[in-house]
Amino acid sequence: MVLCASANMQRACPAMAVEIQQAISAGGYGFDMNVACSSATFAMGAGRERGEVRHRQNAC
């Protein structure tokens, strides 16, 4: 899954996530998420709901 989240998209259509998905040869599906300043937060929530984002703690 490719989720492209941004406060200000370059364009509305076609979805930029699909182009990113094609460029990196990712499977699954892709969609754009444009929710103003909260785009990153909403994208992480959407990914987590779909089981694609998992919490990972980095060792420092």
PDB file of N, CA and C in Angstrom:
ATOM      1  N   MET A   1       0.843  -1.170   0.000  1.00  0.00           N
ATOM      2  CA  MET A   1       0.000   0.000   0.000  1.00  0.00           C
ATOM      3  C   MET A   1       0.889   1.234   0.000  1.00  0.00           C
ATOM      4  N   VAL A   2       0.557   2.174  -0.840  1.00  0.00           N
ATOM      5  CA  VAL A   2       1.244   3.465  -0.876  1.00  0.00           C
ATOM      6  C   VAL A   2       0.224   4.541  -0.535  1.00  0.00           C
ATOM      7  N   LEU A   3       0.533   5.298   0.491  1.00  0.00           N
ATOM      8  CA  LEU A   3      -0.325   6.397   0.925  1.00  0.00           C
ATOM      9  C   LEU A   3       0.469   7.679   0.759  1.00  0.00           C
ATOM     10  N   CYS A   4      -0.001   8.581  -0.056  1.00  0.00           N
ATOM     11  CA  CYS A   4       0.666   9.863  -0.262  1.00  0.00           C
ATOM     12  C   CYS A   4      -0.116  10.922   0.510  1.00  0.00           C
ATOM     13  N   ALA A   5       0.472  11.414   1.612  1.00  0.00           N
ATOM     14  CA  ALA A   5      -0.211  12.387   2.470  1.00  0.00           C
ATOM     15  C   ALA A   5       0.512  13.723   2.394  1.00  0.00           C
ATOM     16  N   SER A   6      -0.267  14.777   2.162  1.00  0.00           N
ATOM     17  CA  SER A   6       0.323  16.100   2.025  1.00  0.00           C
ATOM     18  C   SER A   6      -0.698  17.171   2.384  1.00  0.00           C
ATOM     19  N   ALA A   7      -0.208  18.290   2.889  1.00  0.00           N
ATOM     20  CA  ALA A   7      -1.089  19.414   3.197  1.00  0.00           C
ATOM     21  C   ALA A   7      -1.496  20.150   1.924  1.00  0.00           C
ATOM     22  N   ASN A   8      -0.679  20.036   0.885  1.00  0.00           N
ATOM     23  CA  ASN A   8      -0.952  20.744  -0.357  1.00  0.00           C
ATOM     24  C   ASN A   8      -0.497  19.890  -1.533  1.00  0.00           C
ATOM     25  N   MET A   9      -1.438  19.195  -2.158  1.00  0.00           N
ATOM     26  CA  MET A   9      -1.104  18.326  -3.288  1.00  0.00           C
ATOM     27  C   MET A   9      -0.772  19.148  -4.527  1.00  0.00           C
ATOM     28  N   GLN A  10       0.087  18.593  -5.339  1.00  0.00           N
ATOM     29  CA  GLN A  10       0.470  19.234  -6.592  1.00  0.00           C
ATOM     30  C   GLN A  10      -0.726  19.312  -7.545  1.00  0.00           C
ATOM     31  N   ARG A  11      -1.575  18.291  -7.476  1.00  0.00           N
ATOM     32  CA  ARG A  11      -2.776  18.230  -8.308  1.00  0.00           C
ATOM     33  C   ARG A  11      -3.767  17.271  -7.659  1.00  0.00           C
ATOM     34  N   ALA A  12      -5.005  17.372  -8.045  1.00  0.00           N
ATOM     35  CA  ALA A  12      -6.043  16.508  -7.456  1.00  0.00           C
ATOM     36  C   ALA A  12      -6.168  15.168  -8.172  1.00  0.00           C
ATOM     37  N   CYS A  13      -5.954  15.156  -9.463  1.00  0.00           N
ATOM     38  CA  CYS A  13      -6.149  13.948 -10.240  1.00  0.00           C
ATOM     39  C   CYS A  13      -5.164  13.925 -11.399  1.00  0.00           C
ATOM     40  N   PRO A  14      -4.518  12.858 -11.740  1.00  0.00           N
ATOM     41  CA  PRO A  14      -4.587  11.536 -11.135  1.00  0.00           C
ATOM     42  C   PRO A  14      -3.834  11.490  -9.805  1.00  0.00           C
ATOM     43  N   ALA A  15      -4.116  10.478  -9.025  1.00  0.00           N
ATOM     44  CA  ALA A  15      -3.513  10.336  -7.702  1.00  0.00           C
ATOM     45  C   ALA A  15      -1.995  10.177  -7.808  1.00  0.00           C
ATOM     46  N   MET A  16      -1.283  10.931  -7.002  1.00  0.00           N
ATOM     47  CA  MET A  16       0.182  10.861  -7.005  1.00  0.00           C
ATOM     48  C   MET A  16       0.670   9.544  -6.399  1.00  0.00           C
ATOM     49  N   ALA A  17      -0.078   8.976  -5.455  1.00  0.00           N
ATOM     50  CA  ALA A  17       0.319   7.718  -4.822  1.00  0.00           C
ATOM     51  C   ALA A  17       0.440   6.592  -5.848  1.00  0.00           C
ATOM     52  N   VAL A  18      -0.422   6.591  -6.838  1.00  0.00           N
ATOM     53  CA  VAL A  18      -0.382   5.555  -7.864  1.00  0.00           C
ATOM     54  C   VAL A  18       0.896   5.675  -8.695  1.00  0.00           C
ATOM     55  N   GLU A  19       1.314   6.899  -8.969  1.00  0.00           N
ATOM     56  CA  GLU A  19       2.559   7.109  -9.714  1.00  0.00           C
ATOM     57  C   GLU A  19       3.768   6.686  -8.876  1.00  0.00           C
ATOM     58  N   ILE A  20       3.749   6.988  -7.583  1.00  0.00           N
ATOM     59  CA  ILE A  20       4.833   6.564  -6.686  1.00  0.00           C
ATOM     60  C   ILE A  20       4.872   5.042  -6.623  1.00  0.00           C
ATOM     61  N   GLN A  21       3.703   4.443  -6.495  1.00  0.00           N
ATOM     62  CA  GLN A  21       3.584   2.991  -6.443  1.00  0.00           C
ATOM     63  C   GLN A  21       4.196   2.346  -7.682  1.00  0.00           C
ATOM     64  N   GLN A  22       3.921   2.910  -8.830  1.00  0.00           N
ATOM     65  CA  GLN A  22       4.457   2.379 -10.081  1.00  0.00           C
ATOM     66  C   GLN A  22       5.976   2.560 -10.139  1.00  0.00           C
ATOM     67  N   ALA A  23       6.464   3.711  -9.696  1.00  0.00           N
ATOM     68  CA  ALA A  23       7.906   3.994  -9.756  1.00  0.00           C
ATOM     69  C   ALA A  23       8.724   3.068  -8.862  1.00  0.00           C
ATOM     70  N   ILE A  24       8.156   2.651  -7.716  1.00  0.00           N
ATOM     71  CA  ILE A  24       8.907   1.782  -6.809  1.00  0.00           C
ATOM     72  C   ILE A  24       8.476   0.321  -6.925  1.00  0.00           C
ATOM     73  N   SER A  25       7.643   0.025  -7.906  1.00  0.00           N
ATOM     74  CA  SER A  25       7.145  -1.335  -8.169  1.00  0.00           C
ATOM     75  C   SER A  25       6.490  -1.958  -6.949  1.00  0.00           C
ATOM     76  N   ALA A  26       5.664  -1.181  -6.277  1.00  0.00           N
ATOM     77  CA  ALA A  26       4.952  -1.678  -5.090  1.00  0.00           C
ATOM     78  C   ALA A  26       3.639  -2.320  -5.509  1.00  0.00           C
ATOM     79  N   GLY A  27       3.270  -3.380  -4.830  1.00  0.00           N
ATOM     80  CA  GLY A  27       1.992  -4.034  -5.096  1.00  0.00           C
ATOM     81  C   GLY A  27       0.900  -3.434  -4.238  1.00  0.00           C
ATOM     82  N   GLY A  28      -0.269  -4.014  -4.319  1.00  0.00           N
ATOM     83  CA  GLY A  28      -1.382  -3.551  -3.492  1.00  0.00           C
ATOM     84  C   GLY A  28      -2.096  -2.378  -4.132  1.00  0.00           C
ATOM     85  N   TYR A  29      -2.394  -1.397  -3.322  1.00  0.00           N
ATOM     86  CA  TYR A  29      -3.130  -0.240  -3.814  1.00  0.00           C
ATOM     87  C   TYR A  29      -2.502   1.034  -3.294  1.00  0.00           C
ATOM     88  N   GLY A  30      -2.870   2.161  -3.874  1.00  0.00           N
ATOM     89  CA  GLY A  30      -2.336   3.441  -3.439  1.00  0.00           C
ATOM     90  C   GLY A  30      -3.406   4.513  -3.535  1.00  0.00           C
ATOM     91  N   PHE A  31      -3.337   5.463  -2.614  1.00  0.00           N
ATOM     92  CA  PHE A  31      -4.259   6.596  -2.686  1.00  0.00           C
ATOM     93  C   PHE A  31      -3.658   7.813  -2.012  1.00  0.00           C
ATOM     94  N   ASP A  32      -4.142   8.973  -2.407  1.00  0.00           N
ATOM     95  CA  ASP A  32      -3.697  10.237  -1.837  1.00  0.00           C
ATOM     96  C   ASP A  32      -4.582  10.607  -0.657  1.00  0.00           C
ATOM     97  N   MET A  33      -3.997  11.296   0.290  1.00  0.00           N
ATOM     98  CA  MET A  33      -4.748  11.776   1.442  1.00  0.00           C
ATOM     99  C   MET A  33      -4.394  13.238   1.643  1.00  0.00           C
ATOM    100  N   ASN A  34      -5.362  14.102   1.458  1.00  0.00           N
ATOM    101  CA  ASN A  34      -5.153  15.537   1.587  1.00  0.00           C
ATOM    102  C   ASN A  34      -6.056  16.062   2.699  1.00  0.00           C
ATOM    103  N   VAL A  35      -5.487  16.179   3.910  1.00  0.00           N
ATOM    104  CA  VAL A  35      -6.265  16.589   5.077  1.00  0.00           C
ATOM    105  C   VAL A  35      -5.581  17.787   5.739  1.00  0.00           C
ATOM    106  N   ALA A  36      -5.148  18.725   4.927  1.00  0.00           N
ATOM    107  CA  ALA A  36      -4.479  19.939   5.406  1.00  0.00           C
ATOM    108  C   ALA A  36      -3.305  19.595   6.310  1.00  0.00           C
ATOM    109  N   CYS A  37      -3.158  20.287   7.403  1.00  0.00           N
ATOM    110  CA  CYS A  37      -1.991  20.122   8.283  1.00  0.00           C
ATOM    111  C   CYS A  37      -1.953  18.769   8.988  1.00  0.00           C
ATOM    112  N   SER A  38      -3.062  18.068   9.033  1.00  0.00           N
ATOM    113  CA  SER A  38      -3.129  16.784   9.744  1.00  0.00           C
ATOM    114  C   SER A  38      -2.909  15.582   8.828  1.00  0.00           C
ATOM    115  N   SER A  39      -2.455  15.786   7.614  1.00  0.00           N
ATOM    116  CA  SER A  39      -2.326  14.695   6.645  1.00  0.00           C
ATOM    117  C   SER A  39      -1.488  13.537   7.157  1.00  0.00           C
ATOM    118  N   ALA A  40      -0.333  13.815   7.748  1.00  0.00           N
ATOM    119  CA  ALA A  40       0.546  12.743   8.219  1.00  0.00           C
ATOM    120  C   ALA A  40      -0.129  11.935   9.319  1.00  0.00           C
ATOM    121  N   THR A  41      -0.785  12.613  10.238  1.00  0.00           N
ATOM    122  CA  THR A  41      -1.473  11.925  11.329  1.00  0.00           C
ATOM    123  C   THR A  41      -2.594  11.047  10.799  1.00  0.00           C
ATOM    124  N   PHE A  42      -3.386  11.569   9.876  1.00  0.00           N
ATOM    125  CA  PHE A  42      -4.481  10.803   9.297  1.00  0.00           C
ATOM    126  C   PHE A  42      -3.948   9.626   8.481  1.00  0.00           C
ATOM    127  N   ALA A  43      -2.847   9.813   7.770  1.00  0.00           N
ATOM    128  CA  ALA A  43      -2.265   8.737   6.969  1.00  0.00           C
ATOM    129  C   ALA A  43      -1.777   7.594   7.858  1.00  0.00           C
ATOM    130  N   MET A  44      -1.134   7.937   8.967  1.00  0.00           N
ATOM    131  CA  MET A  44      -0.671   6.896   9.885  1.00  0.00           C
ATOM    132  C   MET A  44      -1.860   6.140  10.474  1.00  0.00           C
ATOM    133  N   GLY A  45      -2.923   6.850  10.791  1.00  0.00           N
ATOM    134  CA  GLY A  45      -4.125   6.194  11.304  1.00  0.00           C
ATOM    135  C   GLY A  45      -4.761   5.283  10.267  1.00  0.00           C
ATOM    136  N   ALA A  46      -4.822   5.746   9.032  1.00  0.00           N
ATOM    137  CA  ALA A  46      -5.409   4.942   7.949  1.00  0.00           C
ATOM    138  C   ALA A  46      -4.577   3.691   7.704  1.00  0.00           C
ATOM    139  N   GLY A  47      -3.262   3.829   7.718  1.00  0.00           N
ATOM    140  CA  GLY A  47      -2.383   2.672   7.534  1.00  0.00           C
ATOM    141  C   GLY A  47      -2.510   1.680   8.670  1.00  0.00           C
ATOM    142  N   ARG A  48      -2.607   2.193   9.875  1.00  0.00           N
ATOM    143  CA  ARG A  48      -2.745   1.319  11.043  1.00  0.00           C
ATOM    144  C   ARG A  48      -4.077   0.569  11.004  1.00  0.00           C
ATOM    145  N   GLU A  49      -5.152   1.242  10.592  1.00  0.00           N
ATOM    146  CA  GLU A  49      -6.461   0.594  10.489  1.00  0.00           C
ATOM    147  C   GLU A  49      -6.436  -0.546   9.478  1.00  0.00           C
ATOM    148  N   ARG A  50      -5.651  -0.399   8.444  1.00  0.00           N
ATOM    149  CA  ARG A  50      -5.568  -1.418   7.399  1.00  0.00           C
ATOM    150  C   ARG A  50      -4.483  -2.448   7.699  1.00  0.00           C
ATOM    151  N   GLY A  51      -3.821  -2.322   8.834  1.00  0.00           N
ATOM    152  CA  GLY A  51      -2.794  -3.289   9.220  1.00  0.00           C
ATOM    153  C   GLY A  51      -1.483  -3.112   8.497  1.00  0.00           C
ATOM    154  N   GLU A  52      -1.266  -1.969   7.845  1.00  0.00           N
ATOM    155  CA  GLU A  52      -0.057  -1.751   7.075  1.00  0.00           C
ATOM    156  C   GLU A  52       1.023  -1.011   7.871  1.00  0.00           C
ATOM    157  N   VAL A  53       0.633  -0.276   8.896  1.00  0.00           N
ATOM    158  CA  VAL A  53       1.592   0.478   9.705  1.00  0.00           C
ATOM    159  C   VAL A  53       1.663  -0.171  11.068  1.00  0.00           C
ATOM    160  N   ARG A  54       2.859  -0.506  11.478  1.00  0.00           N
ATOM    161  CA  ARG A  54       3.051  -1.122  12.779  1.00  0.00           C
ATOM    162  C   ARG A  54       3.987  -0.257  13.599  1.00  0.00           C
ATOM    163  N   HIS A  55       3.732  -0.214  14.872  1.00  0.00           N
ATOM    164  CA  HIS A  55       4.597   0.554  15.767  1.00  0.00           C
ATOM    165  C   HIS A  55       5.938  -0.141  15.879  1.00  0.00           C
ATOM    166  N   ARG A  56       6.995   0.617  15.691  1.00  0.00           N
ATOM    167  CA  ARG A  56       8.332   0.059  15.815  1.00  0.00           C
ATOM    168  C   ARG A  56       9.164   1.033  16.629  1.00  0.00           C
ATOM    169  N   GLN A  57       9.803   0.522  17.635  1.00  0.00           N
ATOM    170  CA  GLN A  57      10.631   1.380  18.469  1.00  0.00           C
ATOM    171  C   GLN A  57      12.081   1.214  18.038  1.00  0.00           C
ATOM    172  N   ASN A  58      12.725   2.322  17.751  1.00  0.00           N
ATOM    173  CA  ASN A  58      14.128   2.289  17.334  1.00  0.00           C
ATOM    174  C   ASN A  58      15.031   2.323  18.548  1.00  0.00           C
ATOM    175  N   ALA A  59      16.063   1.520  18.518  1.00  0.00           N
ATOM    176  CA  ALA A  59      17.063   1.546  19.591  1.00  0.00           C
ATOM    177  C   ALA A  59      18.054   2.655  19.304  1.00  0.00           C
ATOM    178  N   CYS A  60      18.249   3.536  20.249  1.00  0.00           N
ATOM    179  CA  CYS A  60      19.178   4.652  20.077  1.00  0.00           C
ATOM    180  C   CYS A  60      20.430   4.436  20.879  1.00  0.00           C
TER     181      CYS A  60
END
